[in-house]
Structure formats: C-alpha cells, structure tokens
Amino acid sequence: MASVMVIVSKAAFKNDVVTAEGKQGELGDVCPIPHYRSRHKSIDTLQEGGALFLVTVRPPEQLWLCAVLESPRALSDGWYGEPNVVPITDISALRDKIKFTSGKGMSQKAGALAMSLQTPRALTDEDVALIRGAYGGSAAVAAAADDPLPDGEEAELLRAVVEAPSDYAPRIVYADWLSDRGDPRGEMIALACKLRSGDIYFSEREAARARVGQLLRAHESRWAGEMGLPDGTVSRRHWSAGFVESIEATSASSFLRVANAAMARTPILRMSLLDITAGQLEQLVSAPWAARLQGLKLLGDSGEKIAEILAGAPSLAKLERLNLCSMELSPDAAEALASSSHLRNLRRLALTANAIGDEGVAALARSEVLARCEVLYLAANEITDDGVRELAASPYLKSLRELGLGNNEDISAKGLDAMLQSTAMPQLRRVELDATAIPWKRQKDAHARWASVRF
C-alpha cells in the first residue's frame, strides 16, 4: 500500500484549491477538494490503498500541501475520495527529507522544485509520517491539545454530557443553555436529540433532518474546533444527537495530540485510528477517557504487541467492537486476545486478513472472550477444517449471528459438515464461505441451514 504525491498546477490551484465559501485557499485554510483529475499510470498503485497528497509550489519556491485524499477510487477522468479535511500547510522544511520510494528525493536546485515533481511520486512510509506530522502539528491542533476544559457553568454542563453518553437529558439542558445565549448549536443539539430518541412527530422528521444538516454545513468546522477537533486532526467526524460520537483518523498521532481536550468536550465512543504504534496505543488505553470506549478499529505496525496491550487493558472492559484486520496477527496474538480477562463484552470481533491459523482459532473458540460475540470475521486467516471444527465445538458461540470464513482456501466439505452438525451456534444466520474448497454441489446444504450464505 503506497501513497503518492502529485503536483497541482497553477491553473488547478486557482480553480480547485478554494474554501467552502469560494475563497482562494491560503495557509491554514481547509479546501474540500474531492478529486485529482489525472489518470497517470504512476498513481495506479493507489488501487491497493493509500493516500493521495496534493502539493503545489508557491512563490518564491515554497512547497505547500493543499489536500489529502484518503483511499481515493479511480474513475475515468481521475481519482475521487471524500472531500479533503486537511489545512493547507507549508511543508518546505521537508524538501530535503522526503526521499520517495525511488530514494532520489526532490531537486534541491533553485528554481527546479516544480519541475522535479511533474511526475507523480510514490512515498515511503517514512515520507508519509513526515507529511502527516507537519499538518498534524499545525497551530490549530496545538491550540486544541493545550486547551483544557475551562471551569464554570459550561464545563459542568459538558461534563454531564460526557459522563452519561446514553442519556439525552444532559444534552437538552446544554442545548437550552446555548440557545439562551443565541448559539445556533443549541437548536441543532435539540433537534438531533429528538431525531435520535424518536421523540418527534413523523411528519416533522424530514424538516428536522434538513435543518440539522443545514446547521452542520454552515457551522461544523467551528463547532468541531470548539470541541477540540479542529480540521486536520481527524479525517471524519460522525455526529449523533448533537455531538461527535465517532471519529476516523488516518494519523493516530494527529488525533492523540488533541484527544484529552476533545474527550472532555464530546462523548466519543468509537474511533478508527490508522498508523498507530504500540506506544501510542499504550497512551490511549492509559487515558482516563478510554473506559467509555465502545468501538475500536486499529491499523498499524507491531500487531502482536498491539494485541497484548489490548488484552491487558482493564480500561477496555466496555468495548463492544474490535477491528484488527490486516494487522499481521499471529497465533500468539490471537492467544493473547483470547486470554484477556477484560475483553469480555465484545459483540463484534473482526480479524480478517491476518495469519492466526487453526491454533489461533482454537484459542479463541475456547475463550470466554467470544461469549457475547454476535459477529465474528475470520476471513483470510490460513484456517483449515481443523479450525472450523474448533468453532463448531465451542461452548461460547451461543450468541453468534454472523460468521466470516471466506478466503480460507483449505476449508473443505469436511469443515462444512462440522458446522452443519454443530449445535454450538443456534443463533447463526449469516455465513461467508467464499473462496474456500467447498464444492459447489454442497452449497445447497449450507443454504438449507442458514438464512444467508455467501460462496
């Protein structure tokens, strides 16, 4: 998975690098660019994932990062993704540090910078970390990180919201407080709570949704900044009942810089963090706010170490969803998760595209970690019929409704028979068995047993 740097021409900069209000972008502005119009073959490595970093050269010879398109998709005229959320950042200081996968770096000759970037260039992981660090360390992010929750009436109201995320009453009280002071966010919170709780007439729902959307489009950037989540800290913010309850960050370090401030202002319950290290995860699970997390999706290095940290974290006792796909987890990592006395509340566990094998499956199948699990994804994990037999004999899968075993090429009809004969999963309704060795003649048996089967 290789990210790519591309240059934005002067004409494209003038036309595309503009703010949501239509103003020409300057340093610190967020320009919601959703595309890069080029199908140069050098960008095709993004078909396997990665980010597209859009840069331009500004007089006299400054290198500006204009936008980042995360996991863009290729269409006929270029690459498209979610609108950019990264502020324009001067990354001139990285000119002699970025090396590209070619190892050649950028031209250091005066006047030659733009020409040296005419061809899209594949970035190393170290290059990506440098660039993300540059915009993650912006003034807005630094200010948010250092901004404690002030004492006073508003602080008490926010504390009540954060400490009782499932209770709408504190949110309504805060909404009234804001409305009394002429802040339109009060109206947004009140309407969003009514929509979420269902406490609104059916005939009024469409208008309420439209109004919430209108207010968010007009004020989201400012409101998120007030919550400690300024543009550039996360790639996506998901609002619910008037507050950000879920975030996605393509750079774990950018979010963790502001996490303490943000978590004091909004009840974030679920987070997706990419490029996370073992050290950063230790920082996360040690934070006082970690105890309220319900969902966690991680992607980074040191998969086995990360599994050990998660397993040993008492702060994650409320965690209901855990996604560790494509983390190079070994059987030992699976055993670490299975041995946890804290991860006993999991409803959904995704371990797709690892290498836990039959040994790892056996450890999980014999663990109380799966006692409440309703969804279990184990696709592409080098599992054979022996691993399926372990699942079929597990005493802990009474709640399981969905099981993913696709892309395990050594699962055959014997594994299918073990599942068909098992009484260990009475709630199972959906099974994924695509790209296995189960012959097509046996597919009818699976369809007769389960409501939904994918081959």
Protein backbone atom coordinates (compact mmCIF):
# COMPACT_ATOMS: atom_id res chain seq x y z
CA MET A 1 0.00 0.00 0.00
CA ALA A 2 1.90 3.05 -1.28
CA SER A 3 0.74 6.64 -1.01
CA VAL A 4 1.51 9.06 -3.81
CA MET A 5 2.46 12.75 -4.08
CA VAL A 6 1.12 14.71 -7.05
CA ILE A 7 1.54 18.34 -8.04
CA VAL A 8 -1.32 20.78 -8.54
CA SER A 9 -0.71 23.14 -11.46
CA LYS A 10 -1.13 26.91 -11.15
CA ALA A 11 -4.40 26.75 -13.08
CA ALA A 12 -5.74 23.89 -10.98
CA PHE A 13 -4.69 25.68 -7.81
CA LYS A 14 -6.68 28.75 -8.85
CA ASN A 15 -9.78 26.77 -9.80
CA ASP A 16 -9.82 23.89 -7.30
CA VAL A 17 -7.94 24.97 -4.18
CA VAL A 18 -10.74 27.09 -2.77
CA THR A 19 -12.55 27.09 0.55
CA ALA A 20 -16.16 26.06 1.05
CA GLU A 21 -17.02 29.78 0.82
CA GLY A 22 -15.31 30.07 -2.58
CA LYS A 23 -12.23 31.95 -1.36
CA GLN A 24 -8.81 31.17 -2.81
CA GLY A 25 -7.04 28.87 -0.40
CA GLU A 26 -4.25 30.23 1.80
CA LEU A 27 -2.12 28.69 4.51
CA GLY A 28 -4.34 27.30 7.25
CA ASP A 29 -7.47 27.12 5.09
CA VAL A 30 -9.26 23.82 4.56
CA CYS A 31 -10.28 23.38 0.93
CA PRO A 32 -12.75 20.49 0.49
CA ILE A 33 -11.18 19.15 -2.70
CA PRO A 34 -12.78 15.78 -3.59
CA HIS A 35 -10.71 14.78 -6.63
CA TYR A 36 -7.47 14.89 -8.59
CA ARG A 37 -8.12 14.88 -12.31
CA SER A 38 -5.41 12.70 -13.78
CA ARG A 39 -5.14 9.02 -14.67
CA HIS A 40 -1.35 8.97 -14.87
CA LYS A 41 -0.23 5.35 -14.59
CA SER A 42 2.13 6.18 -11.73
CA ILE A 43 -0.90 6.79 -9.49
CA ASP A 44 -2.37 3.35 -10.13
CA THR A 45 -0.60 1.93 -7.06
CA LEU A 46 -3.47 3.52 -5.11
CA GLN A 47 -5.68 0.71 -6.38
CA GLU A 48 -4.23 -1.25 -3.44
CA GLY A 49 -4.91 1.55 -0.95
CA GLY A 50 -3.06 4.57 0.35
CA ALA A 51 -3.48 8.33 0.25
CA LEU A 52 -3.03 10.94 -2.47
CA PHE A 53 -1.09 14.00 -1.29
CA LEU A 54 -1.73 17.10 -3.43
CA VAL A 55 1.04 19.70 -3.35
CA THR A 56 1.83 22.89 -5.22
CA VAL A 57 4.82 25.22 -5.49
CA ARG A 58 4.16 28.83 -4.49
CA PRO A 59 6.43 31.85 -4.98
CA PRO A 60 9.25 32.20 -4.36
CA GLU A 61 9.67 28.42 -4.05
CA GLN A 62 7.54 27.20 -1.18
CA LEU A 63 6.12 23.68 -1.14
CA TRP A 64 2.52 23.70 0.06
CA LEU A 65 0.42 20.68 0.91
CA CYS A 66 -3.02 21.55 -0.49
CA ALA A 67 -5.07 18.46 0.26
CA VAL A 68 -5.02 14.77 1.16
CA LEU A 69 -7.42 12.31 -0.46
CA GLU A 70 -7.67 9.23 1.72
CA SER A 71 -8.16 5.89 -0.09
CA PRO A 72 -9.39 7.51 -3.32
CA ARG A 73 -11.02 5.46 -6.08
CA ALA A 74 -10.23 5.66 -9.77
CA LEU A 75 -12.85 6.87 -12.23
CA SER A 76 -12.48 7.59 -15.93
CA ASP A 77 -11.17 11.14 -15.51
CA GLY A 78 -9.19 10.89 -12.29
CA TRP A 79 -9.17 9.93 -8.61
CA TYR A 80 -12.04 10.69 -6.26
CA GLY A 81 -12.43 10.45 -2.50
CA GLU A 82 -14.08 12.09 0.47
CA PRO A 83 -13.59 15.89 0.47
CA ASN A 84 -10.27 16.95 1.94
CA VAL A 85 -10.22 17.96 5.63
CA VAL A 86 -6.52 18.86 5.93
CA PRO A 87 -5.50 22.54 6.16
CA ILE A 88 -3.11 23.98 3.58
CA THR A 89 0.31 23.54 5.15
CA ASP A 90 3.78 24.80 4.22
CA ILE A 91 5.95 21.68 4.07
CA SER A 92 9.02 23.37 2.54
CA ALA A 93 11.08 22.20 5.52
CA LEU A 94 10.56 18.62 4.32
CA ARG A 95 12.05 19.24 0.89
CA ASP A 96 15.36 17.62 1.76
CA LYS A 97 13.81 14.95 3.98
CA ILE A 98 11.22 13.33 1.68
CA LYS A 99 13.03 10.61 -0.30
CA PHE A 100 10.24 8.79 -2.22
CA THR A 101 10.42 5.06 -2.88
CA SER A 102 12.98 5.78 -5.58
CA GLY A 103 15.34 7.18 -2.95
CA LYS A 104 16.09 10.20 -5.13
CA GLY A 105 14.10 12.82 -3.24
CA MET A 106 13.31 16.28 -4.61
CA SER A 107 15.60 18.51 -6.56
CA GLN A 108 17.46 20.92 -4.30
CA LYS A 109 18.44 23.24 -7.15
CA ALA A 110 16.99 26.73 -7.07
CA GLY A 111 14.02 27.05 -9.39
CA ALA A 112 13.83 23.31 -10.11
CA LEU A 113 11.35 22.16 -7.45
CA ALA A 114 8.18 22.31 -9.53
CA MET A 115 9.79 20.57 -12.49
CA SER A 116 11.10 17.77 -10.29
CA LEU A 117 7.54 16.97 -9.18
CA GLN A 118 5.85 16.90 -12.58
CA THR A 119 5.63 13.11 -12.44
CA PRO A 120 3.62 11.54 -9.58
CA ARG A 121 5.99 10.14 -6.97
CA ALA A 122 5.39 7.16 -4.66
CA LEU A 123 6.02 7.95 -1.00
CA THR A 124 7.69 5.76 1.61
CA ASP A 125 6.03 5.16 4.98
CA GLU A 126 8.60 7.50 6.50
CA ASP A 127 7.68 10.22 3.98
CA VAL A 128 4.00 9.86 4.83
CA ALA A 129 4.74 10.09 8.56
CA LEU A 130 6.73 13.30 7.99
CA ILE A 131 3.95 14.92 5.99
CA ARG A 132 1.20 13.87 8.37
CA GLY A 133 3.28 15.14 11.25
CA ALA A 134 3.58 18.51 9.52
CA TYR A 135 -0.12 19.19 9.26
CA GLY A 136 -0.89 17.34 12.48
CA GLY A 137 1.36 19.83 14.24
CA SER A 138 -0.46 22.89 12.91
CA ALA A 139 -1.28 25.80 15.18
CA ALA A 140 -4.95 24.79 15.38
CA VAL A 141 -4.06 21.31 16.52
CA ALA A 142 -1.52 22.55 19.04
CA ALA A 143 -4.06 25.02 20.43
CA ALA A 144 -6.66 22.28 20.80
CA ALA A 145 -4.20 19.97 22.53
CA ASP A 146 -3.29 22.63 25.08
CA ASP A 147 -6.84 23.86 25.66
CA PRO A 148 -8.17 22.47 28.95
CA LEU A 149 -11.87 22.42 29.75
CA PRO A 150 -12.44 25.73 31.50
CA ASP A 151 -14.09 25.95 34.87
CA GLY A 152 -17.59 27.32 35.04
CA GLU A 153 -21.18 26.56 34.14
CA GLU A 154 -20.49 25.36 30.60
CA ALA A 155 -17.80 23.00 31.85
CA GLU A 156 -20.26 21.41 34.26
CA LEU A 157 -22.86 21.01 31.51
CA LEU A 158 -20.34 19.38 29.16
CA ARG A 159 -19.08 17.11 31.89
CA ALA A 160 -22.62 15.87 32.45
CA VAL A 161 -22.98 15.09 28.73
CA VAL A 162 -19.67 13.26 28.52
CA GLU A 163 -20.21 11.20 31.66
CA ALA A 164 -23.67 9.98 30.55
CA PRO A 165 -23.41 9.49 26.78
CA SER A 166 -26.61 7.43 26.53
CA ASP A 167 -28.72 9.97 28.43
CA TYR A 168 -30.24 12.73 26.29
CA ALA A 169 -31.35 14.86 29.24
CA PRO A 170 -27.92 16.49 29.85
CA ARG A 171 -27.70 17.25 26.13
CA ILE A 172 -31.06 19.00 26.16
CA VAL A 173 -30.03 21.05 29.20
CA TYR A 174 -26.85 22.11 27.40
CA ALA A 175 -28.86 22.87 24.24
CA ASP A 176 -31.13 25.19 26.22
CA TRP A 177 -28.09 26.90 27.74
CA LEU A 178 -26.64 27.51 24.26
CA SER A 179 -29.96 28.72 22.81
CA ASP A 180 -30.36 31.20 25.67
CA ARG A 181 -27.06 32.72 24.51
CA GLY A 182 -28.03 32.86 20.85
CA ASP A 183 -25.80 29.95 19.76
CA PRO A 184 -27.44 28.02 16.87
CA ARG A 185 -25.76 24.84 18.07
CA GLY A 186 -28.42 24.70 20.76
CA GLU A 187 -31.11 24.27 18.10
CA MET A 188 -29.04 21.62 16.32
CA ILE A 189 -28.50 19.57 19.50
CA ALA A 190 -32.18 19.76 20.48
CA LEU A 191 -33.40 18.64 17.04
CA ALA A 192 -30.75 15.92 16.75
CA CYS A 193 -31.70 14.50 20.14
CA LYS A 194 -35.37 14.39 19.15
CA LEU A 195 -34.49 12.57 15.94
CA ARG A 196 -32.24 10.09 17.71
CA SER A 197 -34.69 9.37 20.53
CA GLY A 198 -37.76 9.28 18.28
CA ASP A 199 -39.42 11.99 20.35
CA ILE A 200 -40.77 13.81 17.31
CA TYR A 201 -43.83 13.50 15.14
CA PHE A 202 -43.27 11.50 11.96
CA SER A 203 -44.48 14.43 9.84
CA GLU A 204 -41.79 16.68 11.34
CA ARG A 205 -38.83 14.36 10.88
CA GLU A 206 -37.89 15.29 7.33
CA ALA A 207 -37.83 19.02 8.11
CA ALA A 208 -35.84 18.39 11.30
CA ARG A 209 -33.24 16.32 9.45
CA ALA A 210 -32.92 19.01 6.80
CA ARG A 211 -32.45 21.70 9.44
CA VAL A 212 -29.78 19.70 11.30
CA GLY A 213 -27.95 19.16 8.02
CA GLN A 214 -28.19 22.85 7.15
CA LEU A 215 -26.79 23.90 10.51
CA LEU A 216 -23.93 21.40 10.32
CA ARG A 217 -22.96 22.51 6.82
CA ALA A 218 -22.82 26.09 8.00
CA HIS A 219 -21.09 25.62 11.35
CA GLU A 220 -19.47 22.17 11.59
CA SER A 221 -15.89 23.37 11.25
CA ARG A 222 -16.28 25.93 14.04
CA TRP A 223 -18.25 23.63 16.33
CA ALA A 224 -15.76 20.80 15.86
CA GLY A 225 -12.94 23.20 16.69
CA GLU A 226 -14.75 24.19 19.88
CA MET A 227 -14.95 20.51 20.74
CA GLY A 228 -11.20 20.15 20.41
CA LEU A 229 -11.37 18.53 16.95
CA PRO A 230 -10.23 21.26 14.53
CA ASP A 231 -9.95 20.46 10.84
CA GLY A 232 -6.86 18.37 10.19
CA THR A 233 -6.95 16.33 13.38
CA VAL A 234 -9.28 13.63 12.06
CA SER A 235 -10.38 12.57 8.58
CA ARG A 236 -14.03 12.03 9.52
CA ARG A 237 -16.33 13.10 12.32
CA HIS A 238 -19.63 11.30 12.83
CA TRP A 239 -22.29 13.30 14.66
CA SER A 240 -25.05 11.78 16.75
CA ALA A 241 -27.60 13.57 18.94
CA GLY A 242 -25.73 16.84 18.52
CA PHE A 243 -22.21 15.68 19.40
CA VAL A 244 -19.33 13.87 17.71
CA GLU A 245 -19.59 10.27 18.92
CA SER A 246 -17.27 8.58 16.39
CA ILE A 247 -14.09 9.64 14.63
CA GLU A 248 -11.77 8.27 11.98
CA ALA A 249 -8.15 9.39 11.91
CA THR A 250 -5.68 8.38 9.21
CA SER A 251 -2.92 9.54 11.52
CA ALA A 252 -3.28 8.30 15.09
CA SER A 253 -0.69 10.80 16.28
CA SER A 254 -2.74 13.76 14.98
CA PHE A 255 -5.79 12.70 16.97
CA LEU A 256 -3.89 11.72 20.11
CA ARG A 257 -2.40 15.21 20.30
CA VAL A 258 -5.88 16.63 20.89
CA ALA A 259 -7.58 13.59 22.43
CA ASN A 260 -7.67 14.81 26.04
CA ALA A 261 -9.24 18.13 25.06
CA ALA A 262 -11.73 16.53 22.66
CA MET A 263 -12.80 13.75 25.01
CA ALA A 264 -13.60 16.34 27.70
CA ARG A 265 -15.98 18.11 25.31
CA THR A 266 -17.73 15.40 23.32
CA PRO A 267 -18.64 11.79 24.16
CA ILE A 268 -16.57 9.95 21.55
CA LEU A 269 -17.48 6.28 21.90
CA ARG A 270 -15.96 4.77 18.77
CA MET A 271 -12.72 5.52 16.97
CA SER A 272 -10.77 4.28 13.97
CA LEU A 273 -7.05 5.01 14.17
CA LEU A 274 -4.57 4.29 11.38
CA ASP A 275 -0.78 4.28 11.55
CA ILE A 276 -0.93 3.53 15.27
CA THR A 277 2.13 2.30 17.14
CA ALA A 278 2.29 0.19 20.27
CA GLY A 279 3.45 3.22 22.24
CA GLN A 280 0.50 5.29 21.07
CA LEU A 281 -1.91 2.51 21.98
CA GLU A 282 -0.45 2.35 25.48
CA GLN A 283 -1.05 6.09 25.73
CA LEU A 284 -4.66 5.57 24.64
CA VAL A 285 -5.58 2.72 26.99
CA SER A 286 -3.98 4.58 29.90
CA ALA A 287 -6.11 7.69 29.35
CA PRO A 288 -9.00 8.21 31.79
CA TRP A 289 -11.48 8.51 28.91
CA ALA A 290 -10.59 5.07 27.48
CA ALA A 291 -13.03 3.45 29.90
CA ARG A 292 -16.02 4.74 27.93
CA LEU A 293 -14.90 3.42 24.53
CA GLN A 294 -17.34 1.02 22.88
CA GLY A 295 -15.68 0.55 19.49
CA LEU A 296 -12.07 0.49 18.32
CA LYS A 297 -10.61 -0.07 14.86
CA LEU A 298 -6.83 -0.10 14.57
CA LEU A 299 -4.35 -0.39 11.75
CA GLY A 300 -0.64 -0.09 12.24
CA ASP A 301 2.55 -1.97 12.94
CA SER A 302 3.57 -4.30 15.76
CA GLY A 303 0.32 -6.26 15.53
CA GLU A 304 1.30 -8.82 18.12
CA LYS A 305 2.36 -6.18 20.62
CA ILE A 306 -0.87 -4.27 20.00
CA ALA A 307 -2.88 -7.43 20.71
CA GLU A 308 -1.03 -7.88 24.00
CA ILE A 309 -1.71 -4.27 25.04
CA LEU A 310 -5.40 -4.57 24.22
CA ALA A 311 -5.72 -7.86 26.09
CA GLY A 312 -4.13 -6.41 29.22
CA ALA A 313 -6.12 -3.16 29.32
CA PRO A 314 -8.76 -3.07 32.09
CA SER A 315 -9.92 0.28 30.69
CA LEU A 316 -11.45 -1.54 27.69
CA ALA A 317 -13.98 -3.56 29.67
CA LYS A 318 -16.88 -1.78 27.91
CA LEU A 319 -15.51 -2.39 24.42
CA GLU A 320 -18.19 -3.96 22.19
CA ARG A 321 -16.50 -3.75 18.78
CA LEU A 322 -12.87 -4.51 17.95
CA ASN A 323 -11.44 -4.45 14.43
CA LEU A 324 -7.84 -5.61 13.92
CA CYS A 325 -7.99 -6.52 10.23
CA SER A 326 -4.75 -6.69 8.23
CA MET A 327 -2.53 -6.37 11.31
CA GLU A 328 -0.31 -9.40 10.60
CA LEU A 329 -1.62 -11.09 13.74
CA SER A 330 -0.07 -14.47 14.51
CA PRO A 331 -1.48 -17.39 16.51
CA ASP A 332 0.28 -15.93 19.56
CA ALA A 333 -1.57 -12.63 19.06
CA ALA A 334 -4.89 -14.47 18.91
CA GLU A 335 -3.98 -16.36 22.07
CA ALA A 336 -3.21 -13.06 23.79
CA LEU A 337 -6.66 -11.72 22.91
CA ALA A 338 -8.28 -15.00 23.97
CA SER A 339 -6.55 -14.89 27.37
CA SER A 340 -7.87 -11.42 28.20
CA SER A 341 -9.98 -11.06 31.32
CA HIS A 342 -11.06 -7.58 30.16
CA LEU A 343 -12.37 -8.09 26.60
CA ARG A 344 -15.45 -9.99 27.77
CA ASN A 345 -18.04 -7.55 26.41
CA LEU A 346 -17.22 -7.92 22.71
CA ARG A 347 -20.23 -8.17 20.41
CA ARG A 348 -18.27 -7.82 17.18
CA LEU A 349 -14.72 -9.03 16.50
CA ALA A 350 -13.06 -8.57 13.09
CA LEU A 351 -9.71 -10.26 12.49
CA THR A 352 -9.88 -10.53 8.69
CA ALA A 353 -6.65 -10.82 6.67
CA ASN A 354 -4.27 -11.96 9.38
CA ALA A 355 -2.48 -15.27 9.94
CA ILE A 356 -3.89 -16.64 13.19
CA GLY A 357 -4.38 -20.13 11.69
CA ASP A 358 -6.05 -23.08 13.38
CA GLU A 359 -4.04 -22.56 16.55
CA GLY A 360 -5.33 -19.01 16.96
CA VAL A 361 -8.91 -20.04 16.15
CA ALA A 362 -8.72 -22.81 18.75
CA ALA A 363 -7.59 -20.33 21.41
CA LEU A 364 -10.49 -18.01 20.61
CA ALA A 365 -13.07 -20.81 20.39
CA ARG A 366 -12.11 -21.93 23.90
CA SER A 367 -12.25 -18.42 25.34
CA GLU A 368 -14.96 -16.50 27.16
CA VAL A 369 -13.93 -13.50 25.07
CA LEU A 370 -16.44 -14.80 22.49
CA ALA A 371 -19.23 -15.47 24.99
CA ARG A 372 -21.24 -12.39 23.91
CA CYS A 373 -19.94 -12.17 20.35
CA GLU A 374 -22.63 -11.78 17.68
CA VAL A 375 -20.39 -11.11 14.65
CA LEU A 376 -17.04 -12.82 14.06
CA TYR A 377 -14.90 -12.21 10.95
CA LEU A 378 -12.03 -14.64 10.40
CA ALA A 379 -11.68 -14.49 6.61
CA ALA A 380 -8.22 -14.91 5.05
CA ASN A 381 -6.52 -16.34 8.14
CA GLU A 382 -4.99 -19.62 6.89
CA ILE A 383 -7.73 -21.60 8.62
CA THR A 384 -8.38 -25.25 7.70
CA ASP A 385 -11.10 -27.76 8.56
CA ASP A 386 -9.43 -28.27 11.96
CA GLY A 387 -10.06 -24.64 12.85
CA VAL A 388 -13.68 -24.89 11.74
CA ARG A 389 -14.12 -27.95 13.97
CA GLU A 390 -12.88 -25.90 16.92
CA LEU A 391 -15.54 -23.28 16.23
CA ALA A 392 -18.20 -25.96 15.78
CA ALA A 393 -17.37 -27.39 19.22
CA SER A 394 -17.07 -24.06 21.07
CA PRO A 395 -19.24 -23.61 24.16
CA TYR A 396 -19.04 -19.81 23.81
CA LEU A 397 -20.77 -19.07 20.49
CA LYS A 398 -24.42 -19.24 21.58
CA SER A 399 -24.96 -15.60 20.58
CA LEU A 400 -23.17 -15.72 17.23
CA ARG A 401 -25.33 -14.47 14.33
CA GLU A 402 -22.73 -13.86 11.61
CA LEU A 403 -19.51 -15.73 10.80
CA GLY A 404 -16.99 -14.83 8.11
CA LEU A 405 -14.70 -17.65 6.95
CA GLY A 406 -14.13 -16.69 3.32
CA ASN A 407 -10.75 -16.78 1.59
CA ASN A 408 -9.54 -19.68 3.72
CA GLU A 409 -8.70 -21.95 0.81
CA ASP A 410 -8.20 -25.12 2.88
CA ILE A 411 -11.71 -25.23 4.30
CA SER A 412 -13.44 -28.12 2.54
CA ALA A 413 -16.69 -30.06 2.74
CA LYS A 414 -15.40 -31.63 5.96
CA GLY A 415 -15.36 -28.24 7.63
CA LEU A 416 -18.84 -27.51 6.30
CA ASP A 417 -20.09 -30.83 7.70
CA ALA A 418 -18.69 -29.95 11.11
CA MET A 419 -20.70 -26.73 11.11
CA LEU A 420 -23.87 -28.37 9.79
CA GLN A 421 -23.75 -30.98 12.54
CA SER A 422 -22.94 -28.48 15.28
CA THR A 423 -25.43 -27.20 17.84
CA ALA A 424 -22.93 -24.71 19.23
CA MET A 425 -24.22 -21.71 17.22
CA PRO A 426 -28.04 -21.74 17.45
CA GLN A 427 -28.40 -18.06 16.50
CA LEU A 428 -26.20 -18.23 13.39
CA ARG A 429 -27.96 -16.73 10.37
CA ARG A 430 -25.25 -15.48 8.01
CA VAL A 431 -22.12 -17.37 6.91
CA GLU A 432 -19.44 -16.29 4.45
CA LEU A 433 -17.63 -19.19 2.75
CA ASP A 434 -16.44 -17.61 -0.50
CA ALA A 435 -13.07 -18.66 -1.91
CA THR A 436 -12.92 -21.92 0.07
CA ALA A 437 -12.54 -25.51 -1.18
CA ILE A 438 -16.18 -26.40 -0.52
CA PRO A 439 -17.55 -27.92 -3.77
CA TRP A 440 -20.47 -26.18 -5.41
CA LYS A 441 -22.61 -29.32 -5.06
CA ARG A 442 -22.56 -28.86 -1.28
CA GLN A 443 -23.65 -25.23 -1.38
CA LYS A 444 -27.32 -26.22 -1.28
CA ASP A 445 -26.78 -27.83 2.14
CA ALA A 446 -25.44 -24.56 3.52
CA HIS A 447 -28.33 -22.58 2.00
CA ALA A 448 -30.80 -25.00 3.57
CA ARG A 449 -29.27 -24.46 7.03
CA TRP A 450 -28.61 -20.72 7.18
CA ALA A 451 -30.71 -17.76 6.04
CA SER A 452 -27.82 -16.05 4.23
CA VAL A 453 -24.75 -17.76 2.78
CA ARG A 454 -22.08 -16.31 0.52
CA PHE A 455 -19.94 -18.57 -1.65
